[in-house]
PDB file of N, CA and C in Angstrom:
ATOM      1  N   MET A   1       8.967   1.602  20.112  1.00  0.00           N
ATOM      2  CA  MET A   1       9.695   2.183  18.999  1.00  0.00           C
ATOM      3  C   MET A   1       9.271   1.461  17.859  1.00  0.00           C
ATOM      4  N   VAL A   2       9.300  -0.011  17.918  1.00  0.00           N
ATOM      5  CA  VAL A   2       8.980  -0.783  16.774  1.00  0.00           C
ATOM      6  C   VAL A   2       7.604  -0.630  16.219  1.00  0.00           C
ATOM      7  N   THR A   3       6.620  -0.373  17.169  1.00  0.00           N
ATOM      8  CA  THR A   3       5.240  -0.095  16.502  1.00  0.00           C
ATOM      9  C   THR A   3       5.166   1.219  15.967  1.00  0.00           C
ATOM     10  N   GLU A   4       6.040   2.267  16.451  1.00  0.00           N
ATOM     11  CA  GLU A   4       5.935   3.394  15.752  1.00  0.00           C
ATOM     12  C   GLU A   4       6.519   3.375  14.516  1.00  0.00           C
ATOM     13  N   GLN A   5       7.657   2.866  14.219  1.00  0.00           N
ATOM     14  CA  GLN A   5       8.185   2.541  13.053  1.00  0.00           C
ATOM     15  C   GLN A   5       7.450   1.880  12.084  1.00  0.00           C
ATOM     16  N   ALA A   6       6.860   0.855  12.670  1.00  0.00           N
ATOM     17  CA  ALA A   6       6.119  -0.061  11.476  1.00  0.00           C
ATOM     18  C   ALA A   6       4.833   0.827  11.149  1.00  0.00           C
ATOM     19  N   THR A   7       4.309   1.635  12.093  1.00  0.00           N
ATOM     20  CA  THR A   7       3.080   2.673  11.559  1.00  0.00           C
ATOM     21  C   THR A   7       3.536   3.733  10.517  1.00  0.00           C
ATOM     22  N   ALA A   8       4.857   4.241  10.794  1.00  0.00           N
ATOM     23  CA  ALA A   8       5.347   5.174   9.751  1.00  0.00           C
ATOM     24  C   ALA A   8       5.735   4.654   8.461  1.00  0.00           C
ATOM     25  N   VAL A   9       6.145   3.517   8.642  1.00  0.00           N
ATOM     26  CA  VAL A   9       6.305   2.676   7.182  1.00  0.00           C
ATOM     27  C   VAL A   9       4.907   2.417   6.405  1.00  0.00           C
ATOM     28  N   ALA A  10       4.113   2.037   7.263  1.00  0.00           N
ATOM     29  CA  ALA A  10       2.624   1.566   6.592  1.00  0.00           C
ATOM     30  C   ALA A  10       1.916   2.931   6.151  1.00  0.00           C
ATOM     31  N   SER A  11       2.133   3.805   6.830  1.00  0.00           N
ATOM     32  CA  SER A  11       1.698   5.328   6.232  1.00  0.00           C
ATOM     33  C   SER A  11       2.309   5.705   5.159  1.00  0.00           C
ATOM     34  N   ALA A  12       3.500   5.594   5.081  1.00  0.00           N
ATOM     35  CA  ALA A  12       4.365   6.039   3.869  1.00  0.00           C
ATOM     36  C   ALA A  12       3.864   5.207   2.648  1.00  0.00           C
ATOM     37  N   TYR A  13       3.729   3.944   2.710  1.00  0.00           N
ATOM     38  CA  TYR A  13       3.175   2.968   1.696  1.00  0.00           C
ATOM     39  C   TYR A  13       1.799   3.509   1.246  1.00  0.00           C
ATOM     40  N   LEU A  14       1.057   3.497   2.217  1.00  0.00           N
ATOM     41  CA  LEU A  14      -0.339   4.012   1.989  1.00  0.00           C
ATOM     42  C   LEU A  14      -0.490   5.407   1.387  1.00  0.00           C
ATOM     43  N   ASN A  15       0.190   6.286   1.610  1.00  0.00           N
ATOM     44  CA  ASN A  15       0.278   7.525   0.955  1.00  0.00           C
ATOM     45  C   ASN A  15       0.533   7.430  -0.244  1.00  0.00           C
ATOM     46  N   GLU A  16       1.626   6.574  -0.777  1.00  0.00           N
ATOM     47  CA  GLU A  16       2.138   6.219  -1.975  1.00  0.00           C
ATOM     48  C   GLU A  16       1.054   5.800  -2.978  1.00  0.00           C
ATOM     49  N   VAL A  17       0.294   4.838  -2.370  1.00  0.00           N
ATOM     50  CA  VAL A  17      -0.435   4.073  -3.154  1.00  0.00           C
ATOM     51  C   VAL A  17      -1.958   5.031  -3.464  1.00  0.00           C
ATOM     52  N   LEU A  18      -2.227   5.772  -2.464  1.00  0.00           N
ATOM     53  CA  LEU A  18      -3.486   6.501  -2.621  1.00  0.00           C
ATOM     54  C   LEU A  18      -3.209   7.757  -3.450  1.00  0.00           C
ATOM     55  N   GLN A  19      -1.975   8.218  -3.610  1.00  0.00           N
ATOM     56  CA  GLN A  19      -1.709   9.273  -4.563  1.00  0.00           C
ATOM     57  C   GLN A  19      -1.502   8.817  -5.989  1.00  0.00           C
ATOM     58  N   LYS A  20      -1.727   7.624  -6.329  1.00  0.00           N
ATOM     59  CA  LYS A  20      -1.914   7.104  -7.843  1.00  0.00           C
ATOM     60  C   LYS A  20      -3.197   7.363  -8.354  1.00  0.00           C
ATOM     61  N   PRO A  21      -3.440   7.473  -9.537  1.00  0.00           N
ATOM     62  CA  PRO A  21      -4.582   7.417 -10.174  1.00  0.00           C
ATOM     63  C   PRO A  21      -5.566   6.171  -9.990  1.00  0.00           C
ATOM     64  N   PHE A  22      -6.689   6.304 -10.034  1.00  0.00           N
ATOM     65  CA  PHE A  22      -7.589   5.194  -9.920  1.00  0.00           C
ATOM     66  C   PHE A  22      -7.519   4.495 -11.216  1.00  0.00           C
ATOM     67  N   GLY A  23      -7.344   3.182 -11.269  1.00  0.00           N
ATOM     68  CA  GLY A  23      -7.000   2.534 -12.352  1.00  0.00           C
ATOM     69  C   GLY A  23      -6.999   1.011 -12.377  1.00  0.00           C
ATOM     70  N   ALA A  24      -7.210   0.089 -13.271  1.00  0.00           N
ATOM     71  CA  ALA A  24      -7.106  -1.260 -13.248  1.00  0.00           C
ATOM     72  C   ALA A  24      -5.666  -1.608 -13.376  1.00  0.00           C
ATOM     73  N   PHE A  25      -5.268  -2.825 -12.974  1.00  0.00           N
ATOM     74  CA  PHE A  25      -3.970  -3.390 -13.095  1.00  0.00           C
ATOM     75  C   PHE A  25      -3.653  -3.369 -14.611  1.00  0.00           C
ATOM     76  N   ASP A  26      -2.629  -2.905 -14.764  1.00  0.00           N
ATOM     77  CA  ASP A  26      -2.037  -2.711 -16.365  1.00  0.00           C
ATOM     78  C   ASP A  26      -0.706  -3.313 -16.663  1.00  0.00           C
ATOM     79  N   GLY A  27      -0.525  -4.446 -15.627  1.00  0.00           N
ATOM     80  CA  GLY A  27       0.567  -5.250 -16.105  1.00  0.00           C
ATOM     81  C   GLY A  27       1.841  -4.799 -15.429  1.00  0.00           C
ATOM     82  N   LYS A  28       1.904  -3.694 -14.868  1.00  0.00           N
ATOM     83  CA  LYS A  28       3.251  -3.349 -14.290  1.00  0.00           C
ATOM     84  C   LYS A  28       3.295  -4.019 -12.877  1.00  0.00           C
ATOM     85  N   THR A  29       4.511  -4.508 -12.541  1.00  0.00           N
ATOM     86  CA  THR A  29       4.813  -5.056 -11.471  1.00  0.00           C
ATOM     87  C   THR A  29       6.092  -4.833 -10.668  1.00  0.00           C
ATOM     88  N   THR A  30       7.062  -3.889 -11.110  1.00  0.00           N
ATOM     89  CA  THR A  30       8.080  -3.627 -10.370  1.00  0.00           C
ATOM     90  C   THR A  30       7.771  -2.233  -9.801  1.00  0.00           C
ATOM     91  N   ARG A  31       8.180  -1.942  -8.565  1.00  0.00           N
ATOM     92  CA  ARG A  31       7.867  -0.926  -7.761  1.00  0.00           C
ATOM     93  C   ARG A  31       8.040   0.420  -8.479  1.00  0.00           C
ATOM     94  N   PRO A  32       9.080   0.767  -9.182  1.00  0.00           N
ATOM     95  CA  PRO A  32       9.280   2.050  -9.747  1.00  0.00           C
ATOM     96  C   PRO A  32       8.175   2.285 -10.770  1.00  0.00           C
ATOM     97  N   THR A  33       7.770   1.288 -11.540  1.00  0.00           N
ATOM     98  CA  THR A  33       6.818   1.453 -12.544  1.00  0.00           C
ATOM     99  C   THR A  33       5.393   1.353 -12.321  1.00  0.00           C
ATOM    100  N   LEU A  34       4.937   0.978 -10.934  1.00  0.00           N
ATOM    101  CA  LEU A  34       3.630   1.069 -10.451  1.00  0.00           C
ATOM    102  C   LEU A  34       3.179   2.304 -10.736  1.00  0.00           C
ATOM    103  N   ASP A  35       1.844   2.448 -11.455  1.00  0.00           N
ATOM    104  CA  ASP A  35       1.448   3.749 -11.971  1.00  0.00           C
ATOM    105  C   ASP A  35      -0.067   3.886 -11.604  1.00  0.00           C
ATOM    106  N   VAL A  36      -0.705   2.998 -11.319  1.00  0.00           N
ATOM    107  CA  VAL A  36      -2.136   3.022 -10.763  1.00  0.00           C
ATOM    108  C   VAL A  36      -2.278   2.175  -9.619  1.00  0.00           C
ATOM    109  N   VAL A  37      -3.603   2.675  -8.907  1.00  0.00           N
ATOM    110  CA  VAL A  37      -3.707   1.943  -7.665  1.00  0.00           C
ATOM    111  C   VAL A  37      -3.714   0.535  -7.762  1.00  0.00           C
ATOM    112  N   ASP A  38      -4.439  -0.244  -8.589  1.00  0.00           N
ATOM    113  CA  ASP A  38      -4.603  -1.597  -8.771  1.00  0.00           C
ATOM    114  C   ASP A  38      -3.104  -2.209  -8.812  1.00  0.00           C
ATOM    115  N   ASP A  39      -2.066  -1.520  -9.436  1.00  0.00           N
ATOM    116  CA  ASP A  39      -0.835  -2.174  -9.742  1.00  0.00           C
ATOM    117  C   ASP A  39      -0.146  -2.822  -8.354  1.00  0.00           C
ATOM    118  N   TYR A  40      -0.687  -2.008  -7.371  1.00  0.00           N
ATOM    119  CA  TYR A  40      -0.016  -2.257  -6.080  1.00  0.00           C
ATOM    120  C   TYR A  40      -0.642  -3.636  -5.212  1.00  0.00           C
ATOM    121  N   ASN A  41      -1.666  -4.205  -5.769  1.00  0.00           N
ATOM    122  CA  ASN A  41      -2.222  -5.280  -5.228  1.00  0.00           C
ATOM    123  C   ASN A  41      -1.276  -6.345  -5.180  1.00  0.00           C
ATOM    124  N   GLY A  42      -1.151  -7.099  -3.951  1.00  0.00           N
ATOM    125  CA  GLY A  42       0.059  -8.043  -4.030  1.00  0.00           C
ATOM    126  C   GLY A  42       1.550  -7.927  -3.772  1.00  0.00           C
ATOM    127  N   LEU A  43       1.804  -6.480  -3.723  1.00  0.00           N
ATOM    128  CA  LEU A  43       2.987  -6.024  -3.479  1.00  0.00           C
ATOM    129  C   LEU A  43       3.475  -6.579  -2.183  1.00  0.00           C
ATOM    130  N   ASN A  44       4.820  -7.219  -2.119  1.00  0.00           N
ATOM    131  CA  ASN A  44       5.449  -7.909  -0.914  1.00  0.00           C
ATOM    132  C   ASN A  44       6.657  -7.493  -0.952  1.00  0.00           C
ATOM    133  N   ASP A  45       7.094  -6.396  -0.212  1.00  0.00           N
ATOM    134  CA  ASP A  45       8.443  -6.096   0.053  1.00  0.00           C
ATOM    135  C   ASP A  45       9.127  -6.597   1.295  1.00  0.00           C
ATOM    136  N   VAL A  46      10.124  -7.321   1.174  1.00  0.00           N
ATOM    137  CA  VAL A  46      10.821  -7.741   2.290  1.00  0.00           C
ATOM    138  C   VAL A  46      11.881  -6.892   2.650  1.00  0.00           C
ATOM    139  N   GLY A  47      11.689  -6.193   3.930  1.00  0.00           N
ATOM    140  CA  GLY A  47      12.574  -4.838   4.024  1.00  0.00           C
ATOM    141  C   GLY A  47      11.869  -3.639   3.557  1.00  0.00           C
ATOM    142  N   ALA A  48      11.775  -2.713   4.301  1.00  0.00           N
ATOM    143  CA  ALA A  48      10.834  -1.437   3.821  1.00  0.00           C
ATOM    144  C   ALA A  48      11.633  -0.998   2.773  1.00  0.00           C
ATOM    145  N   ARG A  49      10.879  -0.465   1.736  1.00  0.00           N
ATOM    146  CA  ARG A  49      11.747   0.190   0.460  1.00  0.00           C
ATOM    147  C   ARG A  49      11.111   1.448   0.039  1.00  0.00           C
ATOM    148  N   ASP A  50      11.933   2.379  -0.594  1.00  0.00           N
ATOM    149  CA  ASP A  50      11.553   3.628  -1.174  1.00  0.00           C
ATOM    150  C   ASP A  50      10.840   3.231  -2.351  1.00  0.00           C
ATOM    151  N   GLN A  51      10.320   4.391  -3.022  1.00  0.00           N
ATOM    152  CA  GLN A  51       9.498   4.240  -4.040  1.00  0.00           C
ATOM    153  C   GLN A  51      10.158   3.741  -5.430  1.00  0.00           C
ATOM    154  N   THR A  52      11.529   3.844  -5.397  1.00  0.00           N
ATOM    155  CA  THR A  52      12.411   3.244  -6.229  1.00  0.00           C
ATOM    156  C   THR A  52      12.719   1.714  -6.264  1.00  0.00           C
ATOM    157  N   GLY A  53      12.327   1.231  -5.049  1.00  0.00           N
ATOM    158  CA  GLY A  53      12.624  -0.223  -4.610  1.00  0.00           C
ATOM    159  C   GLY A  53      13.835  -0.420  -3.843  1.00  0.00           C
ATOM    160  N   THR A  54      14.534   0.713  -3.608  1.00  0.00           N
ATOM    161  CA  THR A  54      15.736   0.740  -2.814  1.00  0.00           C
ATOM    162  C   THR A  54      15.470   0.465  -1.268  1.00  0.00           C
ATOM    163  N   LEU A  55      16.028  -0.630  -0.673  1.00  0.00           N
ATOM    164  CA  LEU A  55      16.090  -0.857   0.693  1.00  0.00           C
ATOM    165  C   LEU A  55      16.451   0.299   1.619  1.00  0.00           C
ATOM    166  N   VAL A  56      15.582   0.642   2.566  1.00  0.00           N
ATOM    167  CA  VAL A  56      15.729   1.747   3.403  1.00  0.00           C
ATOM    168  C   VAL A  56      16.757   1.357   4.353  1.00  0.00           C
ATOM    169  N   PRO A  57      17.891   1.844   4.805  1.00  0.00           N
ATOM    170  CA  PRO A  57      18.719   1.561   5.691  1.00  0.00           C
ATOM    171  C   PRO A  57      18.012   1.482   7.044  1.00  0.00           C
ATOM    172  N   GLY A  58      18.236   0.236   7.774  1.00  0.00           N
ATOM    173  CA  GLY A  58      17.824   0.207   9.113  1.00  0.00           C
ATOM    174  C   GLY A  58      16.403  -0.476   9.310  1.00  0.00           C
ATOM    175  N   LEU A  59      15.839  -0.664   7.937  1.00  0.00           N
ATOM    176  CA  LEU A  59      14.409  -1.072   8.147  1.00  0.00           C
ATOM    177  C   LEU A  59      14.266  -2.481   7.408  1.00  0.00           C
ATOM    178  N   GLY A  60      15.447  -3.300   7.363  1.00  0.00           N
ATOM    179  CA  GLY A  60      15.295  -4.580   6.623  1.00  0.00           C
ATOM    180  C   GLY A  60      14.721  -5.491   7.442  1.00  0.00           C
ATOM    181  N   GLN A  61      14.310  -5.266   8.513  1.00  0.00           N
ATOM    182  CA  GLN A  61      13.479  -6.171   9.516  1.00  0.00           C
ATOM    183  C   GLN A  61      11.883  -6.357   9.431  1.00  0.00           C
ATOM    184  N   TYR A  62      11.361  -5.386   8.375  1.00  0.00           N
ATOM    185  CA  TYR A  62      10.019  -5.339   8.116  1.00  0.00           C
ATOM    186  C   TYR A  62       9.618  -5.912   7.025  1.00  0.00           C
ATOM    187  N   THR A  63       8.590  -6.622   6.736  1.00  0.00           N
ATOM    188  CA  THR A  63       8.038  -7.067   5.657  1.00  0.00           C
ATOM    189  C   THR A  63       6.641  -6.289   5.347  1.00  0.00           C
ATOM    190  N   VAL A  64       6.600  -5.747   4.185  1.00  0.00           N
ATOM    191  CA  VAL A  64       5.381  -5.053   3.883  1.00  0.00           C
ATOM    192  C   VAL A  64       4.600  -5.497   2.876  1.00  0.00           C
ATOM    193  N   THR A  65       3.215  -5.743   2.893  1.00  0.00           N
ATOM    194  CA  THR A  65       2.250  -6.280   1.892  1.00  0.00           C
ATOM    195  C   THR A  65       1.159  -5.294   1.708  1.00  0.00           C
ATOM    196  N   VAL A  66       0.645  -5.335   0.462  1.00  0.00           N
ATOM    197  CA  VAL A  66      -0.348  -4.370  -0.062  1.00  0.00           C
ATOM    198  C   VAL A  66      -1.400  -5.229  -0.773  1.00  0.00           C
ATOM    199  N   SER A  67      -2.572  -4.834  -0.273  1.00  0.00           N
ATOM    200  CA  SER A  67      -3.668  -5.583  -0.820  1.00  0.00           C
ATOM    201  C   SER A  67      -4.790  -4.400  -1.314  1.00  0.00           C
ATOM    202  N   VAL A  68      -5.139  -4.509  -2.558  1.00  0.00           N
ATOM    203  CA  VAL A  68      -6.092  -3.502  -3.217  1.00  0.00           C
ATOM    204  C   VAL A  68      -7.260  -4.501  -3.567  1.00  0.00           C
ATOM    205  N   GLY A  69      -8.322  -4.094  -3.326  1.00  0.00           N
ATOM    206  CA  GLY A  69      -9.649  -4.837  -3.786  1.00  0.00           C
ATOM    207  C   GLY A  69     -10.855  -3.882  -3.848  1.00  0.00           C
ATOM    208  N   PRO A  70     -11.967  -4.332  -4.212  1.00  0.00           N
ATOM    209  CA  PRO A  70     -13.175  -3.361  -4.250  1.00  0.00           C
ATOM    210  C   PRO A  70     -13.632  -3.155  -2.847  1.00  0.00           C
ATOM    211  N   GLY A  71     -14.031  -1.760  -2.683  1.00  0.00           N
ATOM    212  CA  GLY A  71     -14.407  -1.222  -1.436  1.00  0.00           C
ATOM    213  C   GLY A  71     -15.708  -0.597  -1.502  1.00  0.00           C
ATOM    214  N   THR A  72     -16.299  -0.173  -0.300  1.00  0.00           N
ATOM    215  CA  THR A  72     -17.657   0.455  -0.255  1.00  0.00           C
ATOM    216  C   THR A  72     -17.484   1.676   0.538  1.00  0.00           C
ATOM    217  N   LEU A  73     -17.908   2.791   0.328  1.00  0.00           N
ATOM    218  CA  LEU A  73     -18.020   3.981   1.122  1.00  0.00           C
ATOM    219  C   LEU A  73     -19.528   4.550   1.096  1.00  0.00           C
ATOM    220  N   GLY A  74     -20.228   4.149   1.968  1.00  0.00           N
ATOM    221  CA  GLY A  74     -21.625   4.699   2.076  1.00  0.00           C
ATOM    222  C   GLY A  74     -22.449   4.372   0.675  1.00  0.00           C
ATOM    223  N   ALA A  75     -23.147   5.327   0.299  1.00  0.00           N
ATOM    224  CA  ALA A  75     -24.032   4.932  -0.856  1.00  0.00           C
ATOM    225  C   ALA A  75     -23.870   6.089  -1.785  1.00  0.00           C
ATOM    226  N   VAL A  76     -22.730   6.148  -2.261  1.00  0.00           N
ATOM    227  CA  VAL A  76     -22.681   7.259  -3.418  1.00  0.00           C
ATOM    228  C   VAL A  76     -22.859   6.522  -4.847  1.00  0.00           C
ATOM    229  N   PRO A  77     -23.861   6.842  -5.404  1.00  0.00           N
ATOM    230  CA  PRO A  77     -24.363   6.416  -6.681  1.00  0.00           C
ATOM    231  C   PRO A  77     -23.207   6.441  -7.783  1.00  0.00           C
ATOM    232  N   GLY A  78     -22.988   5.234  -8.392  1.00  0.00           N
ATOM    233  CA  GLY A  78     -22.045   5.377  -9.381  1.00  0.00           C
ATOM    234  C   GLY A  78     -20.425   5.348  -8.961  1.00  0.00           C
ATOM    235  N   ALA A  79     -20.092   5.607  -7.824  1.00  0.00           N
ATOM    236  CA  ALA A  79     -18.599   5.654  -7.514  1.00  0.00           C
ATOM    237  C   ALA A  79     -18.023   4.276  -7.408  1.00  0.00           C
ATOM    238  N   GLU A  80     -16.872   4.261  -7.949  1.00  0.00           N
ATOM    239  CA  GLU A  80     -15.924   3.054  -7.794  1.00  0.00           C
ATOM    240  C   GLU A  80     -15.025   3.297  -6.725  1.00  0.00           C
ATOM    241  N   VAL A  81     -14.821   2.286  -6.023  1.00  0.00           N
ATOM    242  CA  VAL A  81     -13.810   2.363  -4.707  1.00  0.00           C
ATOM    243  C   VAL A  81     -13.046   1.178  -4.701  1.00  0.00           C
ATOM    244  N   ARG A  82     -11.736   1.509  -4.390  1.00  0.00           N
ATOM    245  CA  ARG A  82     -10.855   0.546  -3.999  1.00  0.00           C
ATOM    246  C   ARG A  82     -10.549   0.692  -2.601  1.00  0.00           C
ATOM    247  N   GLN A  83     -10.311  -0.349  -1.883  1.00  0.00           N
ATOM    248  CA  GLN A  83      -9.792  -0.444  -0.469  1.00  0.00           C
ATOM    249  C   GLN A  83      -8.415  -0.854  -0.445  1.00  0.00           C
ATOM    250  N   VAL A  84      -7.541  -0.032   0.093  1.00  0.00           N
ATOM    251  CA  VAL A  84      -6.025  -0.439   0.196  1.00  0.00           C
ATOM    252  C   VAL A  84      -5.700  -0.654   1.518  1.00  0.00           C
ATOM    253  N   ASP A  85      -5.139  -1.913   1.751  1.00  0.00           N
ATOM    254  CA  ASP A  85      -4.618  -2.427   3.067  1.00  0.00           C
ATOM    255  C   ASP A  85      -3.297  -2.646   2.998  1.00  0.00           C
ATOM    256  N   VAL A  86      -2.546  -2.060   3.875  1.00  0.00           N
ATOM    257  CA  VAL A  86      -1.144  -1.936   4.119  1.00  0.00           C
ATOM    258  C   VAL A  86      -0.782  -2.665   5.359  1.00  0.00           C
ATOM    259  N   THR A  87      -0.278  -3.939   5.330  1.00  0.00           N
ATOM    260  CA  THR A  87       0.349  -4.706   6.469  1.00  0.00           C
ATOM    261  C   THR A  87       1.857  -4.668   6.598  1.00  0.00           C
ATOM    262  N   VAL A  88       2.296  -4.131   7.711  1.00  0.00           N
ATOM    263  CA  VAL A  88       3.681  -4.174   8.105  1.00  0.00           C
ATOM    264  C   VAL A  88       3.939  -5.107   9.332  1.00  0.00           C
ATOM    265  N   VAL A  89       4.778  -5.932   8.904  1.00  0.00           N
ATOM    266  CA  VAL A  89       5.300  -6.993  10.122  1.00  0.00           C
ATOM    267  C   VAL A  89       6.639  -6.860  10.386  1.00  0.00           C
ATOM    268  N   HIS A  90       7.160  -6.689  11.691  1.00  0.00           N
ATOM    269  CA  HIS A  90       8.344  -6.693  12.095  1.00  0.00           C
ATOM    270  C   HIS A  90       8.903  -7.956  12.654  1.00  0.00           C
ATOM    271  N   SER A  91      10.039  -8.398  12.296  1.00  0.00           N
ATOM    272  CA  SER A  91      10.479  -9.784  12.558  1.00  0.00           C
ATOM    273  C   SER A  91      10.161 -10.256  14.039  1.00  0.00           C
ATOM    274  N   SER A  92      10.027  -9.327  14.816  1.00  0.00           N
ATOM    275  CA  SER A  92       9.599  -9.549  16.432  1.00  0.00           C
ATOM    276  C   SER A  92       8.172 -10.036  16.448  1.00  0.00           C
ATOM    277  N   GLY A  93       7.425  -9.801  15.334  1.00  0.00           N
ATOM    278  CA  GLY A  93       5.922 -10.162  15.398  1.00  0.00           C
ATOM    279  C   GLY A  93       5.044  -9.157  15.523  1.00  0.00           C
ATOM    280  N   VAL A  94       5.697  -8.038  15.897  1.00  0.00           N
ATOM    281  CA  VAL A  94       4.632  -6.909  15.780  1.00  0.00           C
ATOM    282  C   VAL A  94       4.054  -6.408  14.372  1.00  0.00           C
ATOM    283  N   THR A  95       2.853  -6.328  14.481  1.00  0.00           N
ATOM    284  CA  THR A  95       1.964  -6.319  13.032  1.00  0.00           C
ATOM    285  C   THR A  95       1.194  -4.936  13.115  1.00  0.00           C
ATOM    286  N   VAL A  96       1.289  -4.069  12.186  1.00  0.00           N
ATOM    287  CA  VAL A  96       0.383  -2.811  11.995  1.00  0.00           C
ATOM    288  C   VAL A  96      -0.150  -2.937  10.649  1.00  0.00           C
ATOM    289  N   VAL A  97      -1.560  -2.743  10.634  1.00  0.00           N
ATOM    290  CA  VAL A  97      -2.339  -2.627   9.449  1.00  0.00           C
ATOM    291  C   VAL A  97      -3.005  -1.271   9.357  1.00  0.00           C
ATOM    292  N   LEU A  98      -2.665  -0.646   8.208  1.00  0.00           N
ATOM    293  CA  LEU A  98      -3.451   0.547   7.861  1.00  0.00           C
ATOM    294  C   LEU A  98      -4.219   0.544   6.578  1.00  0.00           C
ATOM    295  N   SER A  99      -5.504   1.063   6.528  1.00  0.00           N
ATOM    296  CA  SER A  99      -6.265   0.967   5.355  1.00  0.00           C
ATOM    297  C   SER A  99      -6.678   2.366   4.963  1.00  0.00           C
ATOM    298  N   GLY A 100      -7.082   2.446   3.623  1.00  0.00           N
ATOM    299  CA  GLY A 100      -7.734   3.629   3.052  1.00  0.00           C
ATOM    300  C   GLY A 100      -8.296   3.397   1.945  1.00  0.00           C
ATOM    301  N   TYR A 101      -8.997   4.410   1.238  1.00  0.00           N
ATOM    302  CA  TYR A 101      -9.710   4.175   0.098  1.00  0.00           C
ATOM    303  C   TYR A 101      -9.467   5.287  -0.926  1.00  0.00           C
ATOM    304  N   ARG A 102      -9.573   4.684  -2.306  1.00  0.00           N
ATOM    305  CA  ARG A 102      -9.281   5.461  -3.516  1.00  0.00           C
ATOM    306  C   ARG A 102     -10.514   5.460  -4.275  1.00  0.00           C
ATOM    307  N   THR A 103     -11.011   6.596  -4.669  1.00  0.00           N
ATOM    308  CA  THR A 103     -12.243   6.640  -5.331  1.00  0.00           C
ATOM    309  C   THR A 103     -12.186   7.033  -6.726  1.00  0.00           C
ATOM    310  N   LYS A 104     -13.255   6.779  -7.738  1.00  0.00           N
ATOM    311  CA  LYS A 104     -13.306   7.356  -8.870  1.00  0.00           C
ATOM    312  C   LYS A 104     -14.842   7.594  -8.997  1.00  0.00           C
ATOM    313  N   TYR A 105     -15.139   8.958  -9.333  1.00  0.00           N
ATOM    314  CA  TYR A 105     -16.457   9.394  -9.502  1.00  0.00           C
ATOM    315  C   TYR A 105     -16.810   9.461 -10.828  1.00  0.00           C
ATOM    316  N   PRO A 106     -18.230   9.291 -11.127  1.00  0.00           N
ATOM    317  CA  PRO A 106     -18.541   9.252 -12.723  1.00  0.00           C
ATOM    318  C   PRO A 106     -18.441  10.740 -13.270  1.00  0.00           C
TER     319      PRO A 106
END
């Protein structure tokens, strides 16, 4: 059950990030203001939280971190790519990592 919850949390965070526009870090650091993919780099939530930053009841034992960096997807000329990695760790030690890509085409 813990692994399934961790996977659901990671999936929710990954979907949130990937729905944001491709864009470079613009100085926003609080969860409700993150408006481009690169803003999420370094996000560290102790306790799973919703998009407003509010702790989700019953999910306080999870820590969620997000890493956003350059990525590659095949040989698409001129495409800019960001790889998004979401890591969810439960206090019991269970760890789930989900990754996805956000692209910008010329």
